[in-house]
Amino acid sequence: MYEHMFDAETTQLKHLAAAIDEVQNEDLARIFDDQAETGVVVMRGLITELEAEWLRRLGDVEDRATFEAQGYTSLGSWLADRCRMWRLDADLDPESGQIIATALRALVEPQGRNGDERSSEQRRVDARSPPTGS
């Protein structure tokens, strides 16, 4: 997915992307229950470590402030554009905060699925599969 972004300087990230791709293509039906549970725990730990490394690198980007030369007024505006990240301020008015909270709840709560009883993984698989004609 990100191969086009790599150059010779980012070999470690290229290997990381390849490893993630390999994990994403793993057939979960072939994994025993205890391995599935262990995998979830291990992955959570890896995500935490990766997040810490991302924050370290983000701090470096902020220190370099190279985003300013690209026309961004802040690290936040650069993140919003380049990483599709948004920051929600604590200064939201109550109505906006309630709208956002309701929308986020609808994403994670089963009743927000409009009767769709598929697991979140099955919905992702179905979304990646081409539609079948009838």
Foldseek 3Di string as FASTA:
>chain_A
DCVVVDDPVPVVVVVVVVVVVVVVPDDPVPDDPVRVVVVVVVVVVVVVVVVVVVVVVLVVCQVVVVVVVVPDPHSQSVCCPVVVDHDDDPPDDPVVVVVVVVVVCLVPDPVSVVPDPDDPVVVVVVVPDDDDDD
